[in-house]
């Protein structure tokens, strides 16, 4: 679903409010649009992986992230 939403969102330049208060600058929009192929490829890679569907609980705080083995690690809800 995320992969399918990227194209229409990126095509809706009005949604980025370029040059408006709280909107993106032209340079920010250019960088974002340049990232579209990467985002779509990342979605494709995730879809083809064996990672199961998960529920995102919407409670991601800095205290849920720590660095271990030089990589970010995320606290998990299941401790089993």
PDB file of N, CA and C in Angstrom:
ATOM      1  N   UNK A   1       0.814  -1.192   0.000  1.00  0.00           N
ATOM      2  CA  UNK A   1       0.000   0.000   0.000  1.00  0.00           C
ATOM      3  C   UNK A   1       0.864   1.265   0.000  1.00  0.00           C
ATOM      4  N   UNK A   2       1.941   1.241   0.763  1.00  0.00           N
ATOM      5  CA  UNK A   2       2.813   2.409   0.823  1.00  0.00           C
ATOM      6  C   UNK A   2       3.423   2.692  -0.539  1.00  0.00           C
ATOM      7  N   UNK A   3       3.897   1.661  -1.205  1.00  0.00           N
ATOM      8  CA  UNK A   3       4.522   1.813  -2.530  1.00  0.00           C
ATOM      9  C   UNK A   3       3.551   2.473  -3.498  1.00  0.00           C
ATOM     10  N   UNK A   4       2.305   2.045  -3.462  1.00  0.00           N
ATOM     11  CA  UNK A   4       1.292   2.580  -4.373  1.00  0.00           C
ATOM     12  C   UNK A   4       0.954   4.040  -4.064  1.00  0.00           C
ATOM     13  N   UNK A   5       1.163   4.480  -2.856  1.00  0.00           N
ATOM     14  CA  UNK A   5       0.822   5.849  -2.451  1.00  0.00           C
ATOM     15  C   UNK A   5       1.923   6.855  -2.784  1.00  0.00           C
ATOM     16  N   UNK A   6       3.139   6.386  -2.984  1.00  0.00           N
ATOM     17  CA  UNK A   6       4.270   7.297  -3.192  1.00  0.00           C
ATOM     18  C   UNK A   6       4.094   8.117  -4.475  1.00  0.00           C
ATOM     19  N   UNK A   7       3.807   7.487  -5.581  1.00  0.00           N
ATOM     20  CA  UNK A   7       3.680   8.189  -6.854  1.00  0.00           C
ATOM     21  C   UNK A   7       2.637   9.293  -6.829  1.00  0.00           C
ATOM     22  N   UNK A   8       1.391   8.980  -6.420  1.00  0.00           N
ATOM     23  CA  UNK A   8       0.374  10.035  -6.370  1.00  0.00           C
ATOM     24  C   UNK A   8       0.729  11.169  -5.402  1.00  0.00           C
ATOM     25  N   UNK A   9       1.331  10.843  -4.286  1.00  0.00           N
ATOM     26  CA  UNK A   9       1.717  11.894  -3.344  1.00  0.00           C
ATOM     27  C   UNK A   9       2.787  12.791  -3.949  1.00  0.00           C
ATOM     28  N   UNK A  10       3.797  12.196  -4.537  1.00  0.00           N
ATOM     29  CA  UNK A  10       4.873  12.991  -5.119  1.00  0.00           C
ATOM     30  C   UNK A  10       4.379  13.803  -6.320  1.00  0.00           C
ATOM     31  N   UNK A  11       3.332  13.359  -6.994  1.00  0.00           N
ATOM     32  CA  UNK A  11       2.783  14.084  -8.131  1.00  0.00           C
ATOM     33  C   UNK A  11       1.952  15.294  -7.704  1.00  0.00           C
ATOM     34  N   UNK A  12       1.537  15.322  -6.455  1.00  0.00           N
ATOM     35  CA  UNK A  12       0.699  16.406  -5.941  1.00  0.00           C
ATOM     36  C   UNK A  12       1.583  17.494  -5.334  1.00  0.00           C
ATOM     37  N   UNK A  13       2.225  18.279  -6.197  1.00  0.00           N
ATOM     38  CA  UNK A  13       3.160  19.289  -5.707  1.00  0.00           C
ATOM     39  C   UNK A  13       2.493  20.317  -4.812  1.00  0.00           C
ATOM     40  N   UNK A  14       1.197  20.554  -4.975  1.00  0.00           N
ATOM     41  CA  UNK A  14       0.490  21.503  -4.116  1.00  0.00           C
ATOM     42  C   UNK A  14       0.522  21.046  -2.655  1.00  0.00           C
ATOM     43  N   UNK A  15       0.604  19.734  -2.433  1.00  0.00           N
ATOM     44  CA  UNK A  15       0.623  19.201  -1.069  1.00  0.00           C
ATOM     45  C   UNK A  15       1.882  19.604  -0.307  1.00  0.00           C
ATOM     46  N   UNK A  16       2.935  19.973  -1.023  1.00  0.00           N
ATOM     47  CA  UNK A  16       4.198  20.315  -0.376  1.00  0.00           C
ATOM     48  C   UNK A  16       4.289  21.792   0.007  1.00  0.00           C
ATOM     49  N   UNK A  17       3.281  22.577  -0.399  1.00  0.00           N
ATOM     50  CA  UNK A  17       3.194  23.992  -0.020  1.00  0.00           C
ATOM     51  C   UNK A  17       4.499  24.742  -0.271  1.00  0.00           C
ATOM     52  N   UNK A  18       5.086  24.512  -1.420  1.00  0.00           N
ATOM     53  CA  UNK A  18       6.389  25.113  -1.741  1.00  0.00           C
ATOM     54  C   UNK A  18       6.318  26.634  -1.636  1.00  0.00           C
ATOM     55  N   UNK A  19       7.234  27.178  -0.861  1.00  0.00           N
ATOM     56  CA  UNK A  19       7.333  28.616  -0.686  1.00  0.00           C
ATOM     57  C   UNK A  19       6.356  29.210   0.308  1.00  0.00           C
ATOM     58  N   UNK A  20       5.463  28.400   0.848  1.00  0.00           N
ATOM     59  CA  UNK A  20       4.499  28.891   1.828  1.00  0.00           C
ATOM     60  C   UNK A  20       4.989  28.614   3.242  1.00  0.00           C
ATOM     61  N   UNK A  21       4.394  29.313   4.195  1.00  0.00           N
ATOM     62  CA  UNK A  21       4.748  29.081   5.595  1.00  0.00           C
ATOM     63  C   UNK A  21       4.475  27.608   5.927  1.00  0.00           C
ATOM     64  N   UNK A  22       5.419  26.973   6.557  1.00  0.00           N
ATOM     65  CA  UNK A  22       5.365  25.550   6.941  1.00  0.00           C
ATOM     66  C   UNK A  22       5.451  24.608   5.745  1.00  0.00           C
ATOM     67  N   UNK A  23       5.724  25.143   4.573  1.00  0.00           N
ATOM     68  CA  UNK A  23       5.886  24.310   3.396  1.00  0.00           C
ATOM     69  C   UNK A  23       7.354  24.044   3.129  1.00  0.00           C
ATOM     70  N   UNK A  24       7.612  23.265   2.103  1.00  0.00           N
ATOM     71  CA  UNK A  24       8.981  22.963   1.705  1.00  0.00           C
ATOM     72  C   UNK A  24       9.558  24.110   0.881  1.00  0.00           C
ATOM     73  N   UNK A  25      10.858  24.239   0.912  1.00  0.00           N
ATOM     74  CA  UNK A  25      11.527  25.144  -0.007  1.00  0.00           C
ATOM     75  C   UNK A  25      11.661  24.421  -1.350  1.00  0.00           C
ATOM     76  N   UNK A  26      11.995  25.154  -2.383  1.00  0.00           N
ATOM     77  CA  UNK A  26      12.204  24.526  -3.692  1.00  0.00           C
ATOM     78  C   UNK A  26      13.324  23.502  -3.636  1.00  0.00           C
ATOM     79  N   UNK A  27      14.383  23.808  -2.890  1.00  0.00           N
ATOM     80  CA  UNK A  27      15.512  22.881  -2.765  1.00  0.00           C
ATOM     81  C   UNK A  27      15.093  21.620  -2.014  1.00  0.00           C
ATOM     82  N   UNK A  28      14.275  21.766  -0.972  1.00  0.00           N
ATOM     83  CA  UNK A  28      13.802  20.594  -0.225  1.00  0.00           C
ATOM     84  C   UNK A  28      12.918  19.716  -1.104  1.00  0.00           C
ATOM     85  N   UNK A  29      12.057  20.347  -1.905  1.00  0.00           N
ATOM     86  CA  UNK A  29      11.200  19.573  -2.807  1.00  0.00           C
ATOM     87  C   UNK A  29      12.041  18.823  -3.831  1.00  0.00           C
ATOM     88  N   UNK A  30      13.049  19.475  -4.351  1.00  0.00           N
ATOM     89  CA  UNK A  30      13.927  18.836  -5.332  1.00  0.00           C
ATOM     90  C   UNK A  30      14.605  17.606  -4.731  1.00  0.00           C
ATOM     91  N   UNK A  31      15.106  17.728  -3.502  1.00  0.00           N
ATOM     92  CA  UNK A  31      15.745  16.580  -2.831  1.00  0.00           C
ATOM     93  C   UNK A  31      14.735  15.472  -2.566  1.00  0.00           C
ATOM     94  N   UNK A  32      13.527  15.852  -2.161  1.00  0.00           N
ATOM     95  CA  UNK A  32      12.502  14.852  -1.888  1.00  0.00           C
ATOM     96  C   UNK A  32      12.131  14.099  -3.160  1.00  0.00           C
ATOM     97  N   UNK A  33      11.889  14.829  -4.235  1.00  0.00           N
ATOM     98  CA  UNK A  33      11.519  14.185  -5.496  1.00  0.00           C
ATOM     99  C   UNK A  33      12.636  13.285  -6.021  1.00  0.00           C
ATOM    100  N   UNK A  34      13.869  13.662  -5.769  1.00  0.00           N
ATOM    101  CA  UNK A  34      15.010  12.834  -6.176  1.00  0.00           C
ATOM    102  C   UNK A  34      15.050  11.521  -5.388  1.00  0.00           C
ATOM    103  N   UNK A  35      14.428  11.506  -4.216  1.00  0.00           N
ATOM    104  CA  UNK A  35      14.425  10.304  -3.371  1.00  0.00           C
ATOM    105  C   UNK A  35      13.318   9.326  -3.759  1.00  0.00           C
ATOM    106  N   UNK A  36      12.417   9.716  -4.646  1.00  0.00           N
ATOM    107  CA  UNK A  36      11.290   8.846  -4.999  1.00  0.00           C
ATOM    108  C   UNK A  36      11.727   7.467  -5.477  1.00  0.00           C
ATOM    109  N   UNK A  37      12.674   7.352  -6.419  1.00  0.00           N
ATOM    110  CA  UNK A  37      13.080   6.005  -6.849  1.00  0.00           C
ATOM    111  C   UNK A  37      13.637   5.161  -5.695  1.00  0.00           C
ATOM    112  N   UNK A  38      14.383   5.786  -4.810  1.00  0.00           N
ATOM    113  CA  UNK A  38      14.936   5.059  -3.663  1.00  0.00           C
ATOM    114  C   UNK A  38      13.817   4.565  -2.754  1.00  0.00           C
ATOM    115  N   UNK A  39      12.841   5.436  -2.469  1.00  0.00           N
ATOM    116  CA  UNK A  39      11.720   5.043  -1.611  1.00  0.00           C
ATOM    117  C   UNK A  39      10.927   3.893  -2.229  1.00  0.00           C
ATOM    118  N   UNK A  40      10.683   3.974  -3.532  1.00  0.00           N
ATOM    119  CA  UNK A  40       9.947   2.906  -4.202  1.00  0.00           C
ATOM    120  C   UNK A  40      10.738   1.604  -4.195  1.00  0.00           C
ATOM    121  N   UNK A  41      12.039   1.687  -4.413  1.00  0.00           N
ATOM    122  CA  UNK A  41      12.888   0.491  -4.370  1.00  0.00           C
ATOM    123  C   UNK A  41      12.919  -0.105  -2.969  1.00  0.00           C
ATOM    124  N   UNK A  42      12.947   0.746  -1.948  1.00  0.00           N
ATOM    125  CA  UNK A  42      12.947   0.265  -0.568  1.00  0.00           C
ATOM    126  C   UNK A  42      11.637  -0.462  -0.269  1.00  0.00           C
ATOM    127  N   UNK A  43      10.527   0.067  -0.767  1.00  0.00           N
ATOM    128  CA  UNK A  43       9.237  -0.611  -0.591  1.00  0.00           C
ATOM    129  C   UNK A  43       9.233  -1.961  -1.294  1.00  0.00           C
ATOM    130  N   UNK A  44       9.778  -2.003  -2.507  1.00  0.00           N
ATOM    131  CA  UNK A  44       9.856  -3.265  -3.249  1.00  0.00           C
ATOM    132  C   UNK A  44      10.700  -4.284  -2.493  1.00  0.00           C
ATOM    133  N   UNK A  45      11.819  -3.829  -1.949  1.00  0.00           N
ATOM    134  CA  UNK A  45      12.694  -4.726  -1.191  1.00  0.00           C
ATOM    135  C   UNK A  45      11.988  -5.251   0.054  1.00  0.00           C
ATOM    136  N   UNK A  46      11.288  -4.378   0.738  1.00  0.00           N
ATOM    137  CA  UNK A  46      10.569  -4.798   1.934  1.00  0.00           C
ATOM    138  C   UNK A  46       9.474  -5.805   1.588  1.00  0.00           C
ATOM    139  N   UNK A  47       8.772  -5.560   0.497  1.00  0.00           N
ATOM    140  CA  UNK A  47       7.708  -6.472   0.065  1.00  0.00           C
ATOM    141  C   UNK A  47       8.261  -7.860  -0.261  1.00  0.00           C
ATOM    142  N   UNK A  48       9.436  -7.899  -0.863  1.00  0.00           N
ATOM    143  CA  UNK A  48      10.007  -9.191  -1.250  1.00  0.00           C
ATOM    144  C   UNK A  48      10.760  -9.872  -0.114  1.00  0.00           C
ATOM    145  N   UNK A  49      10.874  -9.213   1.020  1.00  0.00           N
ATOM    146  CA  UNK A  49      11.584  -9.810   2.153  1.00  0.00           C
ATOM    147  C   UNK A  49      10.671 -10.791   2.893  1.00  0.00           C
ATOM    148  N   UNK A  50      11.249 -11.498   3.814  1.00  0.00           N
ATOM    149  CA  UNK A  50      10.464 -12.441   4.617  1.00  0.00           C
ATOM    150  C   UNK A  50       9.966 -11.802   5.914  1.00  0.00           C
ATOM    151  N   UNK A  51      10.128 -10.490   6.045  1.00  0.00           N
ATOM    152  CA  UNK A  51       9.652  -9.789   7.232  1.00  0.00           C
ATOM    153  C   UNK A  51       8.130  -9.832   7.258  1.00  0.00           C
ATOM    154  N   UNK A  52       7.555 -10.329   8.343  1.00  0.00           N
ATOM    155  CA  UNK A  52       6.091 -10.417   8.390  1.00  0.00           C
ATOM    156  C   UNK A  52       5.462  -9.038   8.574  1.00  0.00           C
ATOM    157  N   UNK A  53       4.187  -8.932   8.198  1.00  0.00           N
ATOM    158  CA  UNK A  53       3.456  -7.699   8.451  1.00  0.00           C
ATOM    159  C   UNK A  53       3.440  -7.436   9.951  1.00  0.00           C
ATOM    160  N   UNK A  54       3.561  -6.195  10.325  1.00  0.00           N
ATOM    161  CA  UNK A  54       3.585  -5.843  11.741  1.00  0.00           C
ATOM    162  C   UNK A  54       2.627  -4.693  12.000  1.00  0.00           C
ATOM    163  N   UNK A  55       2.330  -4.481  13.241  1.00  0.00           N
ATOM    164  CA  UNK A  55       1.488  -3.364  13.656  1.00  0.00           C
ATOM    165  C   UNK A  55       2.394  -2.277  14.206  1.00  0.00           C
ATOM    166  N   UNK A  56       2.215  -1.073  13.733  1.00  0.00           N
ATOM    167  CA  UNK A  56       2.971   0.071  14.230  1.00  0.00           C
ATOM    168  C   UNK A  56       2.072   0.758  15.249  1.00  0.00           C
ATOM    169  N   UNK A  57       2.552   0.849  16.477  1.00  0.00           N
ATOM    170  CA  UNK A  57       1.682   1.349  17.544  1.00  0.00           C
ATOM    171  C   UNK A  57       1.689   2.862  17.684  1.00  0.00           C
ATOM    172  N   UNK A  58       2.446   3.580  16.866  1.00  0.00           N
ATOM    173  CA  UNK A  58       2.392   5.032  16.859  1.00  0.00           C
ATOM    174  C   UNK A  58       2.966   5.696  18.085  1.00  0.00           C
ATOM    175  N   UNK A  59       3.831   5.006  18.799  1.00  0.00           N
ATOM    176  CA  UNK A  59       4.378   5.547  20.033  1.00  0.00           C
ATOM    177  C   UNK A  59       5.902   5.499  19.995  1.00  0.00           C
ATOM    178  N   UNK A  60       6.486   5.985  18.913  1.00  0.00           N
ATOM    179  CA  UNK A  60       7.935   5.957  18.777  1.00  0.00           C
ATOM    180  C   UNK A  60       8.528   7.209  19.409  1.00  0.00           C
ATOM    181  N   UNK A  61       9.225   7.019  20.497  1.00  0.00           N
ATOM    182  CA  UNK A  61       9.882   8.096  21.224  1.00  0.00           C
ATOM    183  C   UNK A  61      11.380   7.839  21.195  1.00  0.00           C
ATOM    184  N   UNK A  62      12.157   8.869  21.436  1.00  0.00           N
ATOM    185  CA  UNK A  62      13.611   8.721  21.467  1.00  0.00           C
ATOM    186  C   UNK A  62      14.028   7.670  22.489  1.00  0.00           C
ATOM    187  N   UNK A  63      13.271   7.524  23.569  1.00  0.00           N
ATOM    188  CA  UNK A  63      13.616   6.532  24.595  1.00  0.00           C
ATOM    189  C   UNK A  63      13.417   5.100  24.117  1.00  0.00           C
ATOM    190  N   UNK A  64      12.755   4.912  22.970  1.00  0.00           N
ATOM    191  CA  UNK A  64      12.563   3.580  22.407  1.00  0.00           C
ATOM    192  C   UNK A  64      13.685   3.196  21.448  1.00  0.00           C
ATOM    193  N   UNK A  65      14.640   4.091  21.254  1.00  0.00           N
ATOM    194  CA  UNK A  65      15.741   3.850  20.317  1.00  0.00           C
ATOM    195  C   UNK A  65      17.060   3.980  21.065  1.00  0.00           C
ATOM    196  N   UNK A  66      17.960   3.067  20.831  1.00  0.00           N
ATOM    197  CA  UNK A  66      19.309   3.149  21.391  1.00  0.00           C
ATOM    198  C   UNK A  66      20.288   2.629  20.347  1.00  0.00           C
ATOM    199  N   UNK A  67      21.546   2.948  20.522  1.00  0.00           N
ATOM    200  CA  UNK A  67      22.556   2.484  19.577  1.00  0.00           C
ATOM    201  C   UNK A  67      23.276   1.297  20.185  1.00  0.00           C
ATOM    202  N   UNK A  68      23.264   0.188  19.469  1.00  0.00           N
ATOM    203  CA  UNK A  68      23.952  -1.021  19.882  1.00  0.00           C
ATOM    204  C   UNK A  68      24.671  -1.606  18.687  1.00  0.00           C
ATOM    205  N   UNK A  69      25.878  -2.050  18.864  1.00  0.00           N
ATOM    206  CA  UNK A  69      26.669  -2.598  17.759  1.00  0.00           C
ATOM    207  C   UNK A  69      26.747  -1.605  16.601  1.00  0.00           C
ATOM    208  N   UNK A  70      26.847  -0.310  16.939  1.00  0.00           N
ATOM    209  CA  UNK A  70      26.991   0.786  15.965  1.00  0.00           C
ATOM    210  C   UNK A  70      25.777   0.952  15.060  1.00  0.00           C
ATOM    211  N   UNK A  71      24.643   0.381  15.426  1.00  0.00           N
ATOM    212  CA  UNK A  71      23.418   0.526  14.650  1.00  0.00           C
ATOM    213  C   UNK A  71      22.268   0.881  15.588  1.00  0.00           C
ATOM    214  N   UNK A  72      21.276   1.617  15.076  1.00  0.00           N
ATOM    215  CA  UNK A  72      20.124   1.900  15.937  1.00  0.00           C
ATOM    216  C   UNK A  72      19.351   0.623  16.230  1.00  0.00           C
ATOM    217  N   UNK A  73      18.896   0.499  17.433  1.00  0.00           N
ATOM    218  CA  UNK A  73      18.090  -0.632  17.870  1.00  0.00           C
ATOM    219  C   UNK A  73      16.791  -0.064  18.428  1.00  0.00           C
ATOM    220  N   UNK A  74      15.713  -0.781  18.269  1.00  0.00           N
ATOM    221  CA  UNK A  74      14.409  -0.318  18.724  1.00  0.00           C
ATOM    222  C   UNK A  74      13.883  -1.252  19.798  1.00  0.00           C
ATOM    223  N   UNK A  75      13.367  -0.671  20.888  1.00  0.00           N
ATOM    224  CA  UNK A  75      12.729  -1.487  21.916  1.00  0.00           C
ATOM    225  C   UNK A  75      11.522  -2.168  21.302  1.00  0.00           C
ATOM    226  N   UNK A  76      11.294  -3.415  21.661  1.00  0.00           N
ATOM    227  CA  UNK A  76      10.173  -4.171  21.139  1.00  0.00           C
ATOM    228  C   UNK A  76       9.137  -4.327  22.236  1.00  0.00           C
ATOM    229  N   UNK A  77       7.888  -4.473  21.839  1.00  0.00           N
ATOM    230  CA  UNK A  77       6.826  -4.680  22.801  1.00  0.00           C
ATOM    231  C   UNK A  77       6.886  -6.077  23.381  1.00  0.00           C
ATOM    232  N   UNK A  78       7.212  -7.068  22.551  1.00  0.00           N
ATOM    233  CA  UNK A  78       7.294  -8.437  23.044  1.00  0.00           C
ATOM    234  C   UNK A  78       8.695  -8.694  23.573  1.00  0.00           C
ATOM    235  N   UNK A  79       8.781  -9.104  24.786  1.00  0.00           N
ATOM    236  CA  UNK A  79      10.079  -9.359  25.441  1.00  0.00           C
ATOM    237  C   UNK A  79      10.394 -10.846  25.488  1.00  0.00           C
ATOM    238  N   UNK A  80       9.543 -11.674  24.887  1.00  0.00           N
ATOM    239  CA  UNK A  80       9.710 -13.118  24.955  1.00  0.00           C
ATOM    240  C   UNK A  80      10.743 -13.600  24.083  1.00  0.00           C
TER     241      UNK A  80
END
